[in-house]
């Protein structure tokens, strides 16, 4: 269906960088896809960020690329024949820098209102008096869990965060509200606590990073909820409500149900729509099953490693991932993946913490039944062996 619908306005490179495409639908709906450069490399290369302009009852743009891409995106919109004055709103799929990095530039150029989940509106703000003692008080709440060195953040991130803090944001309730006629946002936390998918009638689902072709989005960690609990609405106070692998798995299952209800909808991801000279069409339900299976297999492999005795998070990362994936910042991303899975294994009763860096196996293997039960009423009430996270 994808290749039958897509019309290329401008070719990009082999990864899709700089590509501009149109998706005209029989109903008259039209979506323009604009691929702005991303800068991750090596085994963690996601490909460009795909931003989508939707001509619906109102014209809106979902995402604005990475920091430094605002001007390039504005130029791409001009090439596509889009009048900036016609853009009613800018919708943030989630608050990661490769999705909202160009937001301030585009908001200024268009005058469009910014719309995002209410968690996004809170996390972009600075709360120096409420920041925990051991975090960076001169950064917004979204950065209180950041694992990057402070020198890197000061050089590359602070100006971006200061600009975001000045934005006025119209919040989208709990994410289930109507954005305009026939368009709905759905809150799908886990990869990011504020993640939204945008449903355009029964014709398209703009996925953000919740489901991607070829690569599996990394989950957040339940421990990230601790420092921000007091600044988020009470509905999000439990550790796994919007953070961690359990939250992400629930979101995948919610999205699977949506895909079952609108099976003909075109699934448009925020990365790797086009990559290595080819289109990646998503069978959304099949891809969700693959991702769930991936997390089951990763959890099983972590337990297999722990059969040999307690391991630190770094030791688990080194034994689980290929060495090429752990180069540079990859080791930090690999450790994040390991911890998110160990939190789920802890909830299932399959691992226990030795200290704040080391895990050991308990001898049980309940994780798969927990993963399969998440999203059901029984699974969310009684399926997790222990609440919270180990540290």
Protein backbone atom coordinates (compact mmCIF):
# COMPACT_ATOMS: atom_id res chain seq x y z
CA UNK A 1 0.00 0.00 0.00
CA UNK A 2 2.80 2.45 0.90
CA UNK A 3 4.51 2.44 -2.50
CA UNK A 4 1.14 2.62 -4.24
CA UNK A 5 0.22 5.79 -2.34
CA UNK A 6 3.51 7.71 -2.02
CA UNK A 7 4.48 10.43 -4.50
CA UNK A 8 8.07 11.69 -4.31
CA UNK A 9 8.46 15.48 -4.46
CA UNK A 10 12.21 15.48 -3.86
CA UNK A 11 14.63 12.58 -3.67
CA UNK A 12 16.89 12.26 -0.64
CA UNK A 13 20.08 10.33 -0.02
CA UNK A 14 20.27 6.57 0.47
CA UNK A 15 18.99 6.90 4.06
CA UNK A 16 16.20 9.28 3.12
CA UNK A 17 17.78 12.48 4.42
CA UNK A 18 16.21 15.49 2.71
CA UNK A 19 13.41 13.50 1.08
CA UNK A 20 10.01 15.12 0.58
CA UNK A 21 6.98 12.96 -0.28
CA UNK A 22 3.20 13.23 -0.57
CA UNK A 23 0.57 10.75 0.50
CA UNK A 24 -2.72 11.62 -1.25
CA UNK A 25 -5.69 9.56 -0.07
CA UNK A 26 -8.97 8.87 -1.92
CA UNK A 27 -10.95 10.84 0.68
CA UNK A 28 -9.05 14.02 -0.20
CA UNK A 29 -6.81 13.82 2.85
CA UNK A 30 -3.18 14.61 2.09
CA UNK A 31 -0.05 14.10 4.20
CA UNK A 32 3.37 15.48 3.31
CA UNK A 33 6.41 13.68 4.75
CA UNK A 34 9.62 15.65 5.27
CA UNK A 35 12.80 13.85 6.34
CA UNK A 36 15.24 16.07 8.25
CA UNK A 37 18.79 14.97 9.00
CA UNK A 38 19.55 13.18 12.23
CA UNK A 39 23.07 12.72 13.50
CA UNK A 40 23.23 9.44 15.32
CA UNK A 41 25.68 7.01 13.77
CA UNK A 42 27.04 3.49 13.93
CA UNK A 43 24.83 0.77 15.38
CA UNK A 44 22.52 3.43 16.88
CA UNK A 45 21.73 5.15 13.56
CA UNK A 46 17.98 5.75 13.43
CA UNK A 47 17.96 7.44 10.06
CA UNK A 48 16.42 10.91 9.53
CA UNK A 49 13.50 12.24 11.53
CA UNK A 50 10.29 12.13 9.51
CA UNK A 51 8.01 15.10 10.14
CA UNK A 52 4.48 15.03 8.76
CA UNK A 53 2.31 17.90 7.55
CA UNK A 54 -1.37 16.91 7.56
CA UNK A 55 -4.03 18.69 5.50
CA UNK A 56 -7.15 17.85 7.49
CA UNK A 57 -9.97 20.02 8.83
CA UNK A 58 -7.03 22.08 10.10
CA UNK A 59 -3.50 21.97 8.73
CA UNK A 60 -0.95 20.79 11.28
CA UNK A 61 2.67 19.63 11.39
CA UNK A 62 3.76 16.71 13.54
CA UNK A 63 7.36 17.22 14.79
CA UNK A 64 10.06 19.60 13.65
CA UNK A 65 13.30 17.64 13.49
CA UNK A 66 16.47 17.92 15.49
CA UNK A 67 18.18 21.06 16.82
CA UNK A 68 19.56 22.99 13.87
CA UNK A 69 16.99 21.56 11.45
CA UNK A 70 14.31 24.24 11.82
CA UNK A 71 15.51 26.36 8.91
CA UNK A 72 15.99 23.28 6.71
CA UNK A 73 12.45 22.11 7.51
CA UNK A 74 11.01 25.53 6.67
CA UNK A 75 12.83 25.40 3.32
CA UNK A 76 11.47 21.90 2.68
CA UNK A 77 7.93 23.08 3.41
CA UNK A 78 8.42 25.84 0.83
CA UNK A 79 9.66 23.33 -1.75
CA UNK A 80 6.55 21.25 -1.06
CA UNK A 81 4.38 24.29 -1.79
CA UNK A 82 3.22 24.75 1.79
CA UNK A 83 2.25 28.22 2.95
CA UNK A 84 3.59 28.67 6.47
CA UNK A 85 0.67 30.93 7.31
CA UNK A 86 -1.73 28.04 6.67
CA UNK A 87 -0.23 25.83 9.41
CA UNK A 88 -2.60 26.00 12.35
CA UNK A 89 -0.63 23.98 14.90
CA UNK A 90 2.60 22.13 15.60
CA UNK A 91 2.08 18.82 17.37
CA UNK A 92 4.93 17.28 19.35
CA UNK A 93 4.94 13.49 19.17
CA UNK A 94 7.27 13.40 22.19
CA UNK A 95 9.91 15.52 23.84
CA UNK A 96 13.10 14.06 22.42
CA UNK A 97 15.50 16.49 20.81
CA UNK A 98 15.37 14.83 17.38
CA UNK A 99 11.62 15.52 17.28
CA UNK A 100 11.18 18.95 18.84
CA UNK A 101 14.63 20.45 18.26
CA UNK A 102 13.38 22.74 15.50
CA UNK A 103 10.16 23.61 17.31
CA UNK A 104 11.03 27.14 18.40
CA UNK A 105 12.25 28.16 14.95
CA UNK A 106 9.21 26.73 13.19
CA UNK A 107 6.78 28.15 15.76
CA UNK A 108 8.29 31.61 15.26
CA UNK A 109 8.20 31.34 11.45
CA UNK A 110 4.61 30.08 11.27
CA UNK A 111 2.92 31.66 14.28
CA UNK A 112 1.27 28.27 14.80
CA UNK A 113 0.26 27.14 18.26
CA UNK A 114 2.24 24.33 19.88
CA UNK A 115 0.27 21.30 21.08
CA UNK A 116 1.63 18.43 23.14
CA UNK A 117 0.75 16.06 25.94
CA UNK A 118 0.42 17.68 29.36
CA UNK A 119 3.47 15.77 30.59
CA UNK A 120 5.56 17.47 27.89
CA UNK A 121 4.38 20.88 29.08
CA UNK A 122 5.58 20.08 32.60
CA UNK A 123 8.88 18.43 31.75
CA UNK A 124 10.19 21.27 29.56
CA UNK A 125 9.95 23.67 32.52
CA UNK A 126 12.65 24.57 35.04
CA UNK A 127 11.92 23.78 38.70
CA UNK A 128 15.16 24.62 40.50
CA UNK A 129 13.48 24.69 43.93
CA UNK A 130 11.88 21.27 43.39
CA UNK A 131 14.83 19.55 41.75
CA UNK A 132 16.34 16.72 43.80
CA UNK A 133 19.66 17.51 45.42
CA UNK A 134 21.72 15.30 43.12
CA UNK A 135 20.40 16.55 39.75
CA UNK A 136 21.16 19.53 37.50
CA UNK A 137 19.03 22.34 38.85
CA UNK A 138 19.87 24.59 35.89
CA UNK A 139 18.23 22.10 33.49
CA UNK A 140 14.50 21.33 33.02
CA UNK A 141 12.79 18.37 34.66
CA UNK A 142 13.13 16.32 31.46
CA UNK A 143 16.90 16.25 32.09
CA UNK A 144 16.96 15.27 35.75
CA UNK A 145 17.68 11.66 34.80
CA UNK A 146 20.10 12.41 31.93
CA UNK A 147 23.09 10.07 31.74
CA UNK A 148 25.17 12.28 29.44
CA UNK A 149 28.23 14.06 30.94
CA UNK A 150 27.43 17.54 32.25
CA UNK A 151 30.08 19.09 29.99
CA UNK A 152 28.28 17.64 26.93
CA UNK A 153 24.88 18.86 28.12
CA UNK A 154 26.13 22.36 28.86
CA UNK A 155 27.67 22.66 25.40
CA UNK A 156 25.00 21.01 23.27
CA UNK A 157 21.69 21.11 25.15
CA UNK A 158 21.26 24.11 27.43
CA UNK A 159 20.30 26.68 24.76
CA UNK A 160 17.74 24.23 23.31
CA UNK A 161 16.15 23.72 26.73
CA UNK A 162 16.09 27.42 27.51
CA UNK A 163 14.31 28.08 24.21
CA UNK A 164 11.74 25.31 24.83
CA UNK A 165 11.02 26.73 28.26
CA UNK A 166 9.78 29.96 26.66
CA UNK A 167 7.15 28.18 24.55
CA UNK A 168 3.46 28.42 25.26
CA UNK A 169 2.02 24.91 24.96
CA UNK A 170 -1.62 23.95 24.50
CA UNK A 171 -1.93 20.63 26.28
CA UNK A 172 -3.76 17.63 24.90
CA UNK A 173 -5.37 16.32 28.09
CA UNK A 174 -4.58 12.69 28.70
CA UNK A 175 -3.80 12.20 25.02
CA UNK A 176 -7.20 10.82 24.03
CA UNK A 177 -8.67 14.08 22.83
CA UNK A 178 -9.68 15.30 19.38
CA UNK A 179 -7.19 17.61 17.69
CA UNK A 180 -9.60 18.64 14.97
CA UNK A 181 -12.38 17.04 12.95
CA UNK A 182 -11.52 13.38 12.39
CA UNK A 183 -8.07 13.62 14.03
CA UNK A 184 -7.29 12.15 17.44
CA UNK A 185 -4.20 11.96 19.64
CA UNK A 186 -3.56 8.87 21.76
CA UNK A 187 -1.16 8.80 24.69
CA UNK A 188 1.32 5.92 24.33
CA UNK A 189 4.00 6.34 27.01
CA UNK A 190 7.03 4.15 27.60
CA UNK A 191 9.60 5.21 25.04
CA UNK A 192 8.90 8.70 26.35
CA UNK A 193 6.40 9.59 29.09
CA UNK A 194 4.64 12.14 26.87
CA UNK A 195 4.51 10.12 23.64
CA UNK A 196 1.55 10.62 21.32
CA UNK A 197 0.36 8.85 18.21
CA UNK A 198 -1.89 10.84 15.88
CA UNK A 199 -4.82 9.03 14.25
CA UNK A 200 -6.04 10.68 11.06
CA UNK A 201 -9.49 9.25 10.47
CA UNK A 202 -9.19 5.62 9.40
CA UNK A 203 -6.51 6.40 6.84
CA UNK A 204 -3.24 7.03 8.68
CA UNK A 205 -1.53 6.59 12.04
CA UNK A 206 1.45 8.85 12.74
CA UNK A 207 3.43 6.72 15.16
CA UNK A 208 6.23 8.92 16.43
CA UNK A 209 8.84 6.54 17.85
CA UNK A 210 6.41 4.09 19.47
CA UNK A 211 6.82 1.59 16.62
CA UNK A 212 9.61 1.76 14.05
CA UNK A 213 10.58 -0.53 11.19
CA UNK A 214 13.86 -2.45 11.48
CA UNK A 215 14.84 -1.02 14.88
CA UNK A 216 13.24 -1.32 18.32
CA UNK A 217 12.64 1.93 20.23
CA UNK A 218 14.45 1.98 23.56
CA UNK A 219 12.22 2.20 26.65
CA UNK A 220 12.67 4.64 29.49
CA UNK A 221 13.33 3.44 33.03
CA UNK A 222 10.81 3.33 35.85
CA UNK A 223 13.37 4.99 38.11
CA UNK A 224 13.04 8.12 35.97
CA UNK A 225 9.64 8.70 37.60
CA UNK A 226 11.14 9.32 41.06
CA UNK A 227 12.56 12.84 40.65
CA UNK A 228 9.59 14.19 38.63
CA UNK A 229 6.73 12.64 40.57
CA UNK A 230 5.88 15.87 42.41
CA UNK A 231 5.64 17.98 39.27
CA UNK A 232 3.45 15.61 37.22
CA UNK A 233 -0.32 15.22 37.59
CA UNK A 234 -1.28 12.67 40.29
CA UNK A 235 -2.55 10.22 37.66
CA UNK A 236 1.08 9.53 36.71
CA UNK A 237 2.50 8.99 40.19
CA UNK A 238 3.16 5.24 40.08
CA UNK A 239 6.65 4.27 38.80
CA UNK A 240 5.41 2.32 35.79
CA UNK A 241 2.47 4.53 34.78
CA UNK A 242 4.34 6.42 32.04
CA UNK A 243 7.96 5.30 32.45
CA UNK A 244 9.69 1.99 31.86
CA UNK A 245 9.29 -1.16 29.84
CA UNK A 246 5.97 -2.13 31.42
CA UNK A 247 4.44 1.21 30.37
CA UNK A 248 5.84 0.75 26.87
CA UNK A 249 4.42 -2.77 26.53
CA UNK A 250 0.98 -1.55 27.60
CA UNK A 251 1.21 1.15 24.94
CA UNK A 252 2.14 -1.39 22.28
CA UNK A 253 -0.93 -3.42 23.18
CA UNK A 254 -3.17 -0.36 23.09
CA UNK A 255 -1.78 0.49 19.67
CA UNK A 256 -2.35 -3.09 18.54
CA UNK A 257 -6.02 -2.75 19.45
CA UNK A 258 -6.26 0.51 17.51
CA UNK A 259 -4.63 -1.15 14.49
CA UNK A 260 -7.14 -4.00 14.74
CA UNK A 261 -10.00 -1.48 14.60
CA UNK A 262 -8.61 0.43 11.58
CA UNK A 263 -6.67 -2.25 9.68
CA UNK A 264 -6.40 -0.25 6.44
CA UNK A 265 -4.73 2.78 8.04
CA UNK A 266 -1.28 3.61 6.69
CA UNK A 267 1.29 3.43 9.51
CA UNK A 268 3.86 6.24 9.23
CA UNK A 269 6.85 6.05 11.63
CA UNK A 270 9.17 8.88 12.66
CA UNK A 271 12.32 7.02 11.54
CA UNK A 272 13.29 4.65 8.74
CA UNK A 273 10.23 5.11 6.59
CA UNK A 274 12.81 5.09 3.80
CA UNK A 275 16.28 3.70 4.53
CA UNK A 276 19.12 2.11 2.59
CA UNK A 277 17.48 3.03 -0.72
CA UNK A 278 14.20 1.30 0.10
CA UNK A 279 10.76 1.87 1.60
CA UNK A 280 9.82 0.14 4.85
CA UNK A 281 6.11 -0.56 4.85
CA UNK A 282 4.77 -1.45 8.28
CA UNK A 283 2.32 -4.24 8.94
CA UNK A 284 1.63 -2.59 12.26
CA UNK A 285 0.20 -5.52 14.19
CA UNK A 286 2.89 -7.89 12.95
CA UNK A 287 5.60 -5.39 13.87
CA UNK A 288 4.15 -4.97 17.37
CA UNK A 289 4.30 -8.74 17.81
CA UNK A 290 7.95 -8.69 16.71
CA UNK A 291 8.82 -5.98 19.22
CA UNK A 292 7.07 -7.81 22.06
CA UNK A 293 8.95 -10.96 21.14
CA UNK A 294 12.20 -8.98 21.07
CA UNK A 295 11.67 -7.87 24.67
CA UNK A 296 10.85 -11.40 25.74
CA UNK A 297 14.05 -12.66 24.11
CA UNK A 298 16.17 -9.88 25.62
CA UNK A 299 14.78 -10.57 29.09
CA UNK A 300 15.46 -14.28 28.64
CA UNK A 301 19.05 -13.61 27.60
CA UNK A 302 19.67 -11.37 30.62
CA UNK A 303 18.43 -14.16 32.89
CA UNK A 304 20.65 -16.65 31.04
CA UNK A 305 23.68 -14.44 31.71
CA UNK A 306 22.73 -14.10 35.38
CA UNK A 307 22.70 -17.87 35.78
CA UNK A 308 26.48 -17.54 35.88
CA UNK A 309 26.27 -15.32 38.95
CA UNK A 310 25.58 -11.67 39.79
CA UNK A 311 26.53 -9.09 37.18
CA UNK A 312 26.81 -5.33 37.16
CA UNK A 313 24.75 -3.41 34.64
CA UNK A 314 27.86 -2.75 32.57
CA UNK A 315 28.84 -6.41 32.62
CA UNK A 316 25.37 -7.36 31.43
CA UNK A 317 25.55 -4.79 28.63
CA UNK A 318 28.96 -6.05 27.51
CA UNK A 319 27.81 -9.68 27.49
CA UNK A 320 24.48 -8.98 25.82
CA UNK A 321 25.30 -6.46 23.07
CA UNK A 322 27.86 -6.72 20.26
CA UNK A 323 30.95 -4.62 20.92
CA UNK A 324 30.17 -2.32 17.98
CA UNK A 325 26.91 -1.25 19.64
CA UNK A 326 28.72 -0.12 22.77
CA UNK A 327 31.19 2.29 21.20
CA UNK A 328 31.09 5.89 22.44
CA UNK A 329 27.68 6.87 23.82
CA UNK A 330 26.45 3.38 22.86
CA UNK A 331 27.58 1.96 26.20
CA UNK A 332 25.26 4.39 28.02
CA UNK A 333 22.35 3.52 25.76
CA UNK A 334 23.08 -0.18 26.20
CA UNK A 335 23.09 0.17 29.97
CA UNK A 336 19.76 2.01 29.80
CA UNK A 337 18.28 -0.94 27.88
CA UNK A 338 19.62 -3.43 30.43
CA UNK A 339 18.24 -1.49 33.41
CA UNK A 340 14.78 -1.11 31.84
CA UNK A 341 14.61 -4.88 31.34
CA UNK A 342 15.93 -5.60 34.82
CA UNK A 343 13.18 -3.40 36.25
CA UNK A 344 10.61 -5.60 34.52
CA UNK A 345 12.42 -8.75 35.66
CA UNK A 346 12.41 -7.39 39.21
CA UNK A 347 8.66 -6.72 38.98
CA UNK A 348 8.19 -10.32 37.81
CA UNK A 349 10.27 -11.61 40.73
CA UNK A 350 12.98 -13.03 38.45
CA UNK A 351 15.89 -10.82 39.56
CA UNK A 352 16.90 -9.07 42.72
CA UNK A 353 19.30 -6.19 43.30
CA UNK A 354 22.60 -6.96 44.99
CA UNK A 355 23.40 -3.24 45.22
CA UNK A 356 22.58 -0.20 43.10
CA UNK A 357 24.64 -1.48 40.16
CA UNK A 358 24.41 -5.27 40.39
CA UNK A 359 21.66 -7.84 39.78
CA UNK A 360 21.30 -11.52 40.52
CA UNK A 361 18.79 -14.12 39.35
CA UNK A 362 16.22 -15.48 41.80
CA UNK A 363 15.68 -18.75 39.93
CA UNK A 364 12.16 -17.97 38.71
CA UNK A 365 11.11 -17.17 35.12
CA UNK A 366 7.82 -15.29 35.36
CA UNK A 367 8.75 -12.46 32.99
CA UNK A 368 7.05 -13.83 29.89
CA UNK A 369 3.71 -14.34 31.62
CA UNK A 370 4.00 -10.82 33.02
CA UNK A 371 4.71 -9.34 29.57
CA UNK A 372 1.79 -11.22 28.02
CA UNK A 373 -0.59 -10.16 30.81
CA UNK A 374 0.29 -6.46 30.79
CA UNK A 375 -2.55 -4.42 29.38
CA UNK A 376 -5.20 -6.75 30.72
CA UNK A 377 -7.01 -5.72 33.90
CA UNK A 378 -5.74 -8.78 35.74
CA UNK A 379 -2.21 -8.34 34.46
CA UNK A 380 -2.00 -4.74 35.60
CA UNK A 381 -3.52 -5.49 38.99
CA UNK A 382 -1.78 -8.72 39.91
CA UNK A 383 0.56 -9.72 37.09
CA UNK A 384 3.59 -7.86 38.42
CA UNK A 385 5.29 -9.69 41.23
CA UNK A 386 6.51 -6.48 42.87
CA UNK A 387 5.60 -2.85 42.37
CA UNK A 388 8.10 -0.16 41.58
CA UNK A 389 11.72 -0.61 40.63
CA UNK A 390 14.65 -2.15 42.47
CA UNK A 391 16.57 1.04 43.22
